[in-house]
Structures are given as structure tokens and as C-alpha cells.
Amino acid sequence: MSFYSYKNCNQENCPGPIKGDLKGLREKVCVQVKKVYDSCMQQEQLEKVCVTVTDMTPVCDCDCAQPFTPPICFESCRSSGYVGTIRNLIIDRICDRPGFARVRCAVDIPIDILFTDGNCREGIGHGSVTVNKDVMLCIPDDSIVPFTMESLVSAICVSGRYCSNNTFELTICVTVILKVIAEVEMLIPSFGFCSVPPCEEFAENVCDEFFSLPIFPQNPCADPANRPACACSTCNTCGTCNSCNTCSTCRTCSSTT
């Protein structure tokens, strides 16, 4: 049965126009998105983490077949992507906390390590850092469309050194965000389709700022907004006059009020 079938009596939860004026809202739209049911973040510093790299290649476009010359010196490292790989996932629901579960897993964070060899040739190696997680998360009930676990990761090295056999020992700061998600169809209010503006061509026109200046000099004093306000009040500049006419010259002291 279609959303728009006459047999579908539940029109409130179906796409379609919105009746009445709701500050520009025009229709209800069904969109397919990843809904985040729960999420948590942990940040920590890991000491003396051993990482074995693969694909040690020169950074420059030179002969990749030429081996690196000892000694290998660590330069820096950081995560090469923001999506972590979740392994060994175990979800145990907690009886005395409905909706919650103990989530245990290993998260692999991809990293790139920069180094130099004895000939000052810069190279890069690819590896990963594994972080074990044991956290509490809210887990949705069973459904036809299952929920899944995803992770967002980031890492940067504080220090490091080369050990041997393409292995580095690192002190690294890591951030891991675990998310409970499901691919769902949601009904959301819409303001209608976006209007797509034309592209603006990129051009380095150094004269644009100069060409935007006015042709002739402008007189800022001619703008009424820049003129001082007239203070119309009783004249008290000299003691011999009684009062001045509004915004005129005092008859005795010739002062303007």
C-alpha cells in the first residue's frame, strides 16, 4: 500500500503538504538517514604503543625499490582517516537497567607515520593503533531493521622512536566516539527545495578592490547622519539674556543653542 493510497488512513505520518501557515513550512518529507540512538566519546593518552607499519615508501617521487638506509628516525604521526574499524564486538544487555547494555569492542585507528633514514630521505608507513573499549550505551529494542555500531576516531603522536623490523614505539593521543545507529526513514518538516545559485568563477583579479572605489571623492559631511544634532534649549551662556529662540542665535551673546 502506498503512502498516498486511499486505503491509508494514517495520513498524519505520511509525506504530504502541511496545512496552515507554520512559519514557511510547506510539506512533510520522508528521508532515509542514519539515526544515532546513543553515542559517547573517550579521549586518552597511550604510552609506549608498538605499531608495525607496512608499505614503507618514500614521500618524494623517487625510486621506491631502493631500501631505506639506517638509522631510521621518527618524525611524526597522525590518523589517516576518521572511521575506525570495530572488532570483537560484544553487547550484553543489563537486566536492572532497561535499555542499557555493556558494550565491549576493539577499535582500530588507522595512522600514518613519517620518518627519515640515514640519507635524510623522508618516508611514510601505514599502520594502526588498537584501543579496547568497555562502555555503557543505550541500545534500542530488536526490530526488522537492525542497529549497528560505528566509530569516529582521531589520533596524533606526542613522541615516538624506531625500534626494529618496521616497528615504532609511540606515545599517542587518541579520541574514539562510539555510536549506536540504524538506517531509518524519518518524517521531517520541510521548507521546500533549495534554490541553487550559479557558480562564481574563481579569478585572481588584483584590480577588483581598486575598481570598486567611487570615481569621484565623496563628501562625508554632506551625509545628514554625520551632522551633529542641534541642542535646542534655554540659553545660559551669558547672564544678560533671558532666553533664545529655538535653534537660533542669542540676542545678547550671539551664541547658538
C-alpha atoms as a PDB file:
ATOM      1  CA  MET A   1       0.000   0.000   0.000  1.00  0.00           C
ATOM      2  CA  SER A   2       1.341   3.406  -0.980  1.00  0.00           C
ATOM      3  CA  PHE A   3       1.745   6.459   1.236  1.00  0.00           C
ATOM      4  CA  TYR A   4      -0.873   8.103  -0.945  1.00  0.00           C
ATOM      5  CA  SER A   5      -3.337   5.216  -1.237  1.00  0.00           C
ATOM      6  CA  TYR A   6      -6.926   5.971  -0.274  1.00  0.00           C
ATOM      7  CA  LYS A   7      -6.751   2.891   1.955  1.00  0.00           C
ATOM      8  CA  ASN A   8      -4.026   4.516   4.052  1.00  0.00           C
ATOM      9  CA  CYS A   9      -5.964   6.237   6.810  1.00  0.00           C
ATOM     10  CA  ASN A  10      -2.892   7.295   8.799  1.00  0.00           C
ATOM     11  CA  GLN A  11      -2.201  10.455   6.837  1.00  0.00           C
ATOM     12  CA  GLU A  12      -0.579  12.232   9.793  1.00  0.00           C
ATOM     13  CA  ASN A  13       2.520  10.038   9.491  1.00  0.00           C
ATOM     14  CA  CYS A  14       2.756  10.191   5.703  1.00  0.00           C
ATOM     15  CA  PRO A  15       4.576  12.630   3.403  1.00  0.00           C
ATOM     16  CA  GLY A  16       2.486  15.440   2.000  1.00  0.00           C
ATOM     17  CA  PRO A  17       1.675  19.137   2.212  1.00  0.00           C
ATOM     18  CA  ILE A  18       1.376  20.858   5.580  1.00  0.00           C
ATOM     19  CA  LYS A  19      -1.957  22.551   6.136  1.00  0.00           C
ATOM     20  CA  GLY A  20      -1.941  26.045   7.575  1.00  0.00           C
ATOM     21  CA  ASP A  21       0.825  28.634   7.908  1.00  0.00           C
ATOM     22  CA  LEU A  22       3.671  27.220  10.038  1.00  0.00           C
ATOM     23  CA  LYS A  23       6.355  29.872   9.506  1.00  0.00           C
ATOM     24  CA  GLY A  24       7.226  28.811   5.973  1.00  0.00           C
ATOM     25  CA  LEU A  25       6.984  25.035   6.425  1.00  0.00           C
ATOM     26  CA  ARG A  26       5.476  23.577   3.271  1.00  0.00           C
ATOM     27  CA  GLU A  27       5.430  19.800   3.498  1.00  0.00           C
ATOM     28  CA  LYS A  28       6.305  16.655   5.395  1.00  0.00           C
ATOM     29  CA  VAL A  29       9.168  14.782   3.731  1.00  0.00           C
ATOM     30  CA  CYS A  30      10.277  11.179   4.244  1.00  0.00           C
ATOM     31  CA  VAL A  31      14.089  10.960   4.256  1.00  0.00           C
ATOM     32  CA  GLN A  32      16.404   7.980   4.694  1.00  0.00           C
ATOM     33  CA  VAL A  33      19.097   8.746   7.267  1.00  0.00           C
ATOM     34  CA  LYS A  34      21.304   7.168   9.892  1.00  0.00           C
ATOM     35  CA  LYS A  35      19.657   7.823  13.238  1.00  0.00           C
ATOM     36  CA  VAL A  36      22.012   7.981  16.226  1.00  0.00           C
ATOM     37  CA  TYR A  37      20.346   6.297  19.197  1.00  0.00           C
ATOM     38  CA  ASP A  38      23.254   6.849  21.575  1.00  0.00           C
ATOM     39  CA  SER A  39      26.868   7.988  21.472  1.00  0.00           C
ATOM     40  CA  CYS A  40      29.838   8.502  23.767  1.00  0.00           C
ATOM     41  CA  MET A  41      33.376   9.835  23.458  1.00  0.00           C
ATOM     42  CA  GLN A  42      36.601   8.877  25.220  1.00  0.00           C
ATOM     43  CA  GLN A  43      39.965  10.635  24.967  1.00  0.00           C
ATOM     44  CA  GLU A  44      43.160   9.220  26.384  1.00  0.00           C
ATOM     45  CA  GLN A  45      46.931   9.241  26.039  1.00  0.00           C
ATOM     46  CA  LEU A  46      48.540   5.879  25.296  1.00  0.00           C
ATOM     47  CA  GLU A  47      52.134   5.290  26.320  1.00  0.00           C
ATOM     48  CA  LYS A  48      54.663   3.014  24.601  1.00  0.00           C
ATOM     49  CA  VAL A  49      52.342   1.683  21.929  1.00  0.00           C
ATOM     50  CA  CYS A  50      54.143  -0.585  19.460  1.00  0.00           C
ATOM     51  CA  VAL A  51      52.973  -0.175  15.854  1.00  0.00           C
ATOM     52  CA  THR A  52      54.309  -2.230  12.954  1.00  0.00           C
ATOM     53  CA  VAL A  53      53.993  -0.335   9.681  1.00  0.00           C
ATOM     54  CA  THR A  54      53.564  -1.678   6.169  1.00  0.00           C
ATOM     55  CA  ASP A  55      54.190  -0.177   2.764  1.00  0.00           C
ATOM     56  CA  MET A  56      57.168   1.931   3.832  1.00  0.00           C
ATOM     57  CA  THR A  57      57.566   4.163   0.794  1.00  0.00           C
ATOM     58  CA  PRO A  58      59.411   7.417   0.055  1.00  0.00           C
ATOM     59  CA  VAL A  59      57.368  10.589   0.268  1.00  0.00           C
ATOM     60  CA  CYS A  60      59.001  12.049  -2.844  1.00  0.00           C
ATOM     61  CA  ASP A  61      58.629  10.602  -6.347  1.00  0.00           C
ATOM     62  CA  CYS A  62      61.868   8.654  -6.364  1.00  0.00           C
ATOM     63  CA  ASP A  63      62.967   5.032  -6.678  1.00  0.00           C
ATOM     64  CA  CYS A  64      60.673   3.092  -4.352  1.00  0.00           C
ATOM     65  CA  ALA A  65      62.730  -0.072  -4.801  1.00  0.00           C
ATOM     66  CA  GLN A  66      65.749   1.461  -3.078  1.00  0.00           C
ATOM     67  CA  PRO A  67      65.743   0.375   0.593  1.00  0.00           C
ATOM     68  CA  PHE A  68      65.883   2.894   3.396  1.00  0.00           C
ATOM     69  CA  THR A  69      69.293   3.399   4.930  1.00  0.00           C
ATOM     70  CA  PRO A  70      69.664   3.078   8.734  1.00  0.00           C
ATOM     71  CA  PRO A  71      69.259   4.740  11.118  1.00  0.00           C
ATOM     72  CA  ILE A  72      65.503   5.293  10.846  1.00  0.00           C
ATOM     73  CA  CYS A  73      64.376   8.396  12.766  1.00  0.00           C
ATOM     74  CA  PHE A  74      60.771   9.022  13.779  1.00  0.00           C
ATOM     75  CA  GLU A  75      59.341  12.347  12.645  1.00  0.00           C
ATOM     76  CA  SER A  76      55.571  12.442  13.336  1.00  0.00           C
ATOM     77  CA  CYS A  77      52.345  10.516  13.020  1.00  0.00           C
ATOM     78  CA  ARG A  78      48.613  11.101  12.946  1.00  0.00           C
ATOM     79  CA  SER A  79      45.425   9.289  11.994  1.00  0.00           C
ATOM     80  CA  SER A  80      44.940   8.800   8.267  1.00  0.00           C
ATOM     81  CA  GLY A  81      41.130   8.592   8.434  1.00  0.00           C
ATOM     82  CA  TYR A  82      38.243   9.349  10.736  1.00  0.00           C
ATOM     83  CA  VAL A  83      36.435   5.973  10.546  1.00  0.00           C
ATOM     84  CA  GLY A  84      37.604   3.275  12.933  1.00  0.00           C
ATOM     85  CA  THR A  85      37.260  -0.466  12.475  1.00  0.00           C
ATOM     86  CA  ILE A  86      35.285  -2.223  15.224  1.00  0.00           C
ATOM     87  CA  ARG A  87      36.290  -5.801  16.056  1.00  0.00           C
ATOM     88  CA  ASN A  88      35.306  -8.386  18.675  1.00  0.00           C
ATOM     89  CA  LEU A  89      32.026  -6.612  19.446  1.00  0.00           C
ATOM     90  CA  ILE A  90      30.143  -7.967  22.473  1.00  0.00           C
ATOM     91  CA  ILE A  91      26.844  -6.419  23.620  1.00  0.00           C
ATOM     92  CA  ASP A  92      25.403  -7.599  26.941  1.00  0.00           C
ATOM     93  CA  ARG A  93      22.071  -6.118  27.965  1.00  0.00           C
ATOM     94  CA  ILE A  94      21.776  -5.127  31.632  1.00  0.00           C
ATOM     95  CA  CYS A  95      18.743  -6.546  33.416  1.00  0.00           C
ATOM     96  CA  ASP A  96      18.463  -3.887  36.120  1.00  0.00           C
ATOM     97  CA  ARG A  97      18.884  -1.008  33.627  1.00  0.00           C
ATOM     98  CA  PRO A  98      16.275  -1.373  30.852  1.00  0.00           C
ATOM     99  CA  GLY A  99      17.503  -0.148  27.501  1.00  0.00           C
ATOM    100  CA  PHE A 100      21.197  -0.136  28.519  1.00  0.00           C
ATOM    101  CA  ALA A 101      23.922  -2.599  27.644  1.00  0.00           C
ATOM    102  CA  ARG A 102      27.583  -3.207  28.293  1.00  0.00           C
ATOM    103  CA  VAL A 103      29.441  -2.723  25.005  1.00  0.00           C
ATOM    104  CA  ARG A 104      32.911  -4.204  24.611  1.00  0.00           C
ATOM    105  CA  CYS A 105      34.978  -3.988  21.437  1.00  0.00           C
ATOM    106  CA  ALA A 106      38.374  -3.273  19.923  1.00  0.00           C
ATOM    107  CA  VAL A 107      38.659  -0.182  17.716  1.00  0.00           C
ATOM    108  CA  ASP A 108      41.459   0.018  15.137  1.00  0.00           C
ATOM    109  CA  ILE A 109      42.612   3.572  14.325  1.00  0.00           C
ATOM    110  CA  PRO A 110      44.494   3.923  11.004  1.00  0.00           C
ATOM    111  CA  ILE A 111      47.631   6.062  11.274  1.00  0.00           C
ATOM    112  CA  ASP A 112      50.424   7.300   9.008  1.00  0.00           C
ATOM    113  CA  ILE A 113      53.968   7.527  10.402  1.00  0.00           C
ATOM    114  CA  LEU A 114      56.532   9.860   8.863  1.00  0.00           C
ATOM    115  CA  PHE A 115      60.244   9.103   9.261  1.00  0.00           C
ATOM    116  CA  THR A 116      63.650   9.812   7.730  1.00  0.00           C
ATOM    117  CA  ASP A 117      66.541   7.467   7.009  1.00  0.00           C
ATOM    118  CA  GLY A 118      70.295   7.922   7.217  1.00  0.00           C
ATOM    119  CA  ASN A 119      70.349   9.726   3.862  1.00  0.00           C
ATOM    120  CA  CYS A 120      67.741  12.265   5.044  1.00  0.00           C
ATOM    121  CA  ARG A 121      65.214  10.648   2.715  1.00  0.00           C
ATOM    122  CA  GLU A 122      61.682  11.080   4.038  1.00  0.00           C
ATOM    123  CA  GLY A 123      59.372   8.086   4.102  1.00  0.00           C
ATOM    124  CA  ILE A 124      55.883   7.131   5.217  1.00  0.00           C
ATOM    125  CA  GLY A 125      54.465   3.935   6.681  1.00  0.00           C
ATOM    126  CA  HIS A 126      50.905   2.830   7.320  1.00  0.00           C
ATOM    127  CA  GLY A 127      49.752   1.106  10.470  1.00  0.00           C
ATOM    128  CA  SER A 128      47.026   1.102  13.084  1.00  0.00           C
ATOM    129  CA  VAL A 129      46.571   1.603  16.811  1.00  0.00           C
ATOM    130  CA  THR A 130      44.095  -0.640  18.639  1.00  0.00           C
ATOM    131  CA  VAL A 131      42.057   0.748  21.536  1.00  0.00           C
ATOM    132  CA  ASN A 132      39.917  -1.544  23.688  1.00  0.00           C
ATOM    133  CA  LYS A 133      36.571  -0.133  24.869  1.00  0.00           C
ATOM    134  CA  ASP A 134      34.250  -1.251  27.667  1.00  0.00           C
ATOM    135  CA  VAL A 135      31.392   1.246  27.990  1.00  0.00           C
ATOM    136  CA  MET A 136      27.689   1.620  28.788  1.00  0.00           C
ATOM    137  CA  LEU A 137      25.351   2.626  25.957  1.00  0.00           C
ATOM    138  CA  CYS A 138      21.610   2.797  25.379  1.00  0.00           C
ATOM    139  CA  ILE A 139      20.665   0.036  22.952  1.00  0.00           C
ATOM    140  CA  PRO A 140      17.331   0.046  21.051  1.00  0.00           C
ATOM    141  CA  ASP A 141      14.963  -2.907  21.117  1.00  0.00           C
ATOM    142  CA  ASP A 142      15.019  -5.617  18.452  1.00  0.00           C
ATOM    143  CA  SER A 143      13.470  -4.681  15.126  1.00  0.00           C
ATOM    144  CA  ILE A 144      13.352  -5.770  11.495  1.00  0.00           C
ATOM    145  CA  VAL A 145      15.997  -3.190  10.605  1.00  0.00           C
ATOM    146  CA  PRO A 146      18.910  -3.958  12.942  1.00  0.00           C
ATOM    147  CA  PHE A 147      21.050  -1.366  14.698  1.00  0.00           C
ATOM    148  CA  THR A 148      24.816  -1.274  14.175  1.00  0.00           C
ATOM    149  CA  MET A 149      27.873   0.180  15.869  1.00  0.00           C
ATOM    150  CA  GLU A 150      30.127   2.769  14.250  1.00  0.00           C
ATOM    151  CA  SER A 151      33.165   4.679  15.449  1.00  0.00           C
ATOM    152  CA  LEU A 152      34.722   8.055  14.659  1.00  0.00           C
ATOM    153  CA  VAL A 153      38.417   8.249  15.505  1.00  0.00           C
ATOM    154  CA  SER A 154      41.297  10.691  15.589  1.00  0.00           C
ATOM    155  CA  ALA A 155      44.883  10.371  16.782  1.00  0.00           C
ATOM    156  CA  ILE A 156      48.092  12.373  16.897  1.00  0.00           C
ATOM    157  CA  CYS A 157      51.526  11.439  18.209  1.00  0.00           C
ATOM    158  CA  VAL A 158      53.257  13.169  21.086  1.00  0.00           C
ATOM    159  CA  SER A 159      56.567  11.372  20.581  1.00  0.00           C
ATOM    160  CA  GLY A 160      57.985   8.182  19.102  1.00  0.00           C
ATOM    161  CA  ARG A 161      61.055   6.192  18.209  1.00  0.00           C
ATOM    162  CA  TYR A 162      62.015   3.467  15.767  1.00  0.00           C
ATOM    163  CA  CYS A 163      62.648   0.061  17.321  1.00  0.00           C
ATOM    164  CA  SER A 164      63.349  -2.556  14.645  1.00  0.00           C
ATOM    165  CA  ASN A 165      61.660  -4.640  11.948  1.00  0.00           C
ATOM    166  CA  ASN A 166      59.464  -1.726  10.795  1.00  0.00           C
ATOM    167  CA  THR A 167      58.125  -1.231  14.324  1.00  0.00           C
ATOM    168  CA  PHE A 168      57.744   2.108  16.084  1.00  0.00           C
ATOM    169  CA  GLU A 169      57.102   2.804  19.767  1.00  0.00           C
ATOM    170  CA  LEU A 170      54.688   5.708  20.121  1.00  0.00           C
ATOM    171  CA  THR A 171      53.144   7.967  22.728  1.00  0.00           C
ATOM    172  CA  ILE A 172      49.865   8.924  21.137  1.00  0.00           C
ATOM    173  CA  CYS A 173      46.685  10.874  21.983  1.00  0.00           C
ATOM    174  CA  VAL A 174      43.516   9.207  20.706  1.00  0.00           C
ATOM    175  CA  THR A 175      39.841  10.166  20.515  1.00  0.00           C
ATOM    176  CA  VAL A 176      37.197   7.484  19.961  1.00  0.00           C
ATOM    177  CA  ILE A 177      33.475   8.162  19.506  1.00  0.00           C
ATOM    178  CA  LEU A 178      31.205   5.121  19.602  1.00  0.00           C
ATOM    179  CA  LYS A 179      27.729   5.433  18.074  1.00  0.00           C
ATOM    180  CA  VAL A 180      24.660   3.200  18.061  1.00  0.00           C
ATOM    181  CA  ILE A 181      22.957   3.825  14.726  1.00  0.00           C
ATOM    182  CA  ALA A 182      20.302   2.413  12.421  1.00  0.00           C
ATOM    183  CA  GLU A 183      19.300   3.181   8.841  1.00  0.00           C
ATOM    184  CA  VAL A 184      15.772   4.572   9.194  1.00  0.00           C
ATOM    185  CA  GLU A 185      13.130   6.530   7.316  1.00  0.00           C
ATOM    186  CA  MET A 186      12.114   9.673   9.176  1.00  0.00           C
ATOM    187  CA  LEU A 187       9.330  12.159   8.545  1.00  0.00           C
ATOM    188  CA  ILE A 188      10.634  15.727   8.854  1.00  0.00           C
ATOM    189  CA  PRO A 189       9.186  19.184   8.131  1.00  0.00           C
ATOM    190  CA  SER A 190      10.496  20.887   5.010  1.00  0.00           C
ATOM    191  CA  PHE A 191      10.717  24.426   3.632  1.00  0.00           C
ATOM    192  CA  GLY A 192      10.790  23.022   0.110  1.00  0.00           C
ATOM    193  CA  PHE A 193      13.626  22.512  -2.336  1.00  0.00           C
ATOM    194  CA  CYS A 194      16.802  24.575  -2.167  1.00  0.00           C
ATOM    195  CA  SER A 195      17.405  27.180  -4.826  1.00  0.00           C
ATOM    196  CA  VAL A 196      20.792  26.504  -6.406  1.00  0.00           C
ATOM    197  CA  PRO A 197      22.749  29.721  -7.100  1.00  0.00           C
ATOM    198  CA  PRO A 198      25.044  30.000 -10.117  1.00  0.00           C
ATOM    199  CA  CYS A 199      28.706  29.203  -9.593  1.00  0.00           C
ATOM    200  CA  GLU A 200      31.131  32.056  -9.029  1.00  0.00           C
ATOM    201  CA  GLU A 201      34.191  31.670 -11.219  1.00  0.00           C
ATOM    202  CA  PHE A 202      37.494  31.897  -9.378  1.00  0.00           C
ATOM    203  CA  ALA A 203      39.740  34.689 -10.606  1.00  0.00           C
ATOM    204  CA  GLU A 204      42.703  36.439  -9.050  1.00  0.00           C
ATOM    205  CA  ASN A 205      41.881  39.986 -10.112  1.00  0.00           C
ATOM    206  CA  VAL A 206      44.181  42.217  -8.117  1.00  0.00           C
ATOM    207  CA  CYS A 207      42.455  45.305  -9.514  1.00  0.00           C
ATOM    208  CA  ASP A 208      38.988  44.406  -8.178  1.00  0.00           C
ATOM    209  CA  GLU A 209      39.437  46.323  -4.923  1.00  0.00           C
ATOM    210  CA  PHE A 210      40.710  49.380  -6.780  1.00  0.00           C
ATOM    211  CA  PHE A 211      37.945  49.234  -9.392  1.00  0.00           C
ATOM    212  CA  SER A 212      35.313  49.078  -6.628  1.00  0.00           C
ATOM    213  CA  LEU A 213      36.260  52.582  -5.395  1.00  0.00           C
ATOM    214  CA  PRO A 214      33.972  55.509  -6.398  1.00  0.00           C
ATOM    215  CA  ILE A 215      35.102  57.556  -9.380  1.00  0.00           C
ATOM    216  CA  PHE A 216      34.919  60.912  -7.584  1.00  0.00           C
ATOM    217  CA  PRO A 217      35.727  61.805  -3.950  1.00  0.00           C
ATOM    218  CA  GLN A 218      32.789  61.628  -1.576  1.00  0.00           C
ATOM    219  CA  ASN A 219      31.992  64.339   0.974  1.00  0.00           C
ATOM    220  CA  PRO A 220      31.176  62.671   4.317  1.00  0.00           C
ATOM    221  CA  CYS A 221      29.921  65.971   5.767  1.00  0.00           C
ATOM    222  CA  ALA A 222      27.100  66.041   3.234  1.00  0.00           C
ATOM    223  CA  ASP A 223      25.533  62.965   4.808  1.00  0.00           C
ATOM    224  CA  PRO A 224      22.868  64.087   7.341  1.00  0.00           C
ATOM    225  CA  ALA A 225      23.751  61.110   9.504  1.00  0.00           C
ATOM    226  CA  ASN A 226      27.213  62.610  10.095  1.00  0.00           C
ATOM    227  CA  ARG A 227      25.960  66.060  11.158  1.00  0.00           C
ATOM    228  CA  PRO A 228      25.891  66.961  14.876  1.00  0.00           C
ATOM    229  CA  ALA A 229      22.481  67.167  16.471  1.00  0.00           C
ATOM    230  CA  CYS A 230      21.144  70.676  17.264  1.00  0.00           C
ATOM    231  CA  ALA A 231      20.746  71.207  21.018  1.00  0.00           C
ATOM    232  CA  CYS A 232      17.620  73.343  21.398  1.00  0.00           C
ATOM    233  CA  SER A 233      17.380  74.608  24.997  1.00  0.00           C
ATOM    234  CA  THR A 234      17.308  77.754  27.131  1.00  0.00           C
ATOM    235  CA  CYS A 235      20.385  79.943  26.603  1.00  0.00           C
ATOM    236  CA  ASN A 236      22.547  80.131  29.708  1.00  0.00           C
ATOM    237  CA  THR A 237      25.836  81.204  28.097  1.00  0.00           C
ATOM    238  CA  CYS A 238      25.665  84.812  29.332  1.00  0.00           C
ATOM    239  CA  GLY A 239      23.747  86.152  32.260  1.00  0.00           C
ATOM    240  CA  THR A 240      22.396  89.201  30.431  1.00  0.00           C
ATOM    241  CA  CYS A 241      19.990  87.403  28.121  1.00  0.00           C
ATOM    242  CA  ASN A 242      16.855  85.732  29.247  1.00  0.00           C
ATOM    243  CA  SER A 243      16.295  83.049  26.632  1.00  0.00           C
ATOM    244  CA  CYS A 244      16.955  82.227  22.996  1.00  0.00           C
ATOM    245  CA  ASN A 245      14.515  81.324  20.340  1.00  0.00           C
ATOM    246  CA  THR A 246      14.529  77.630  19.435  1.00  0.00           C
ATOM    247  CA  CYS A 247      17.673  76.776  17.468  1.00  0.00           C
ATOM    248  CA  SER A 248      18.528  80.443  16.873  1.00  0.00           C
ATOM    249  CA  THR A 249      21.191  82.976  17.902  1.00  0.00           C
ATOM    250  CA  CYS A 250      21.028  84.599  21.357  1.00  0.00           C
ATOM    251  CA  ARG A 251      20.069  88.259  21.060  1.00  0.00           C
ATOM    252  CA  THR A 252      22.750  89.395  23.528  1.00  0.00           C
ATOM    253  CA  CYS A 253      25.704  86.960  23.429  1.00  0.00           C
ATOM    254  CA  SER A 254      25.259  85.708  19.837  1.00  0.00           C
ATOM    255  CA  SER A 255      25.654  82.068  20.953  1.00  0.00           C
ATOM    256  CA  THR A 256      23.646  79.392  19.166  1.00  0.00           C
ATOM    257  CA  THR A 257      21.531  76.875  21.019  1.00  0.00           C
END
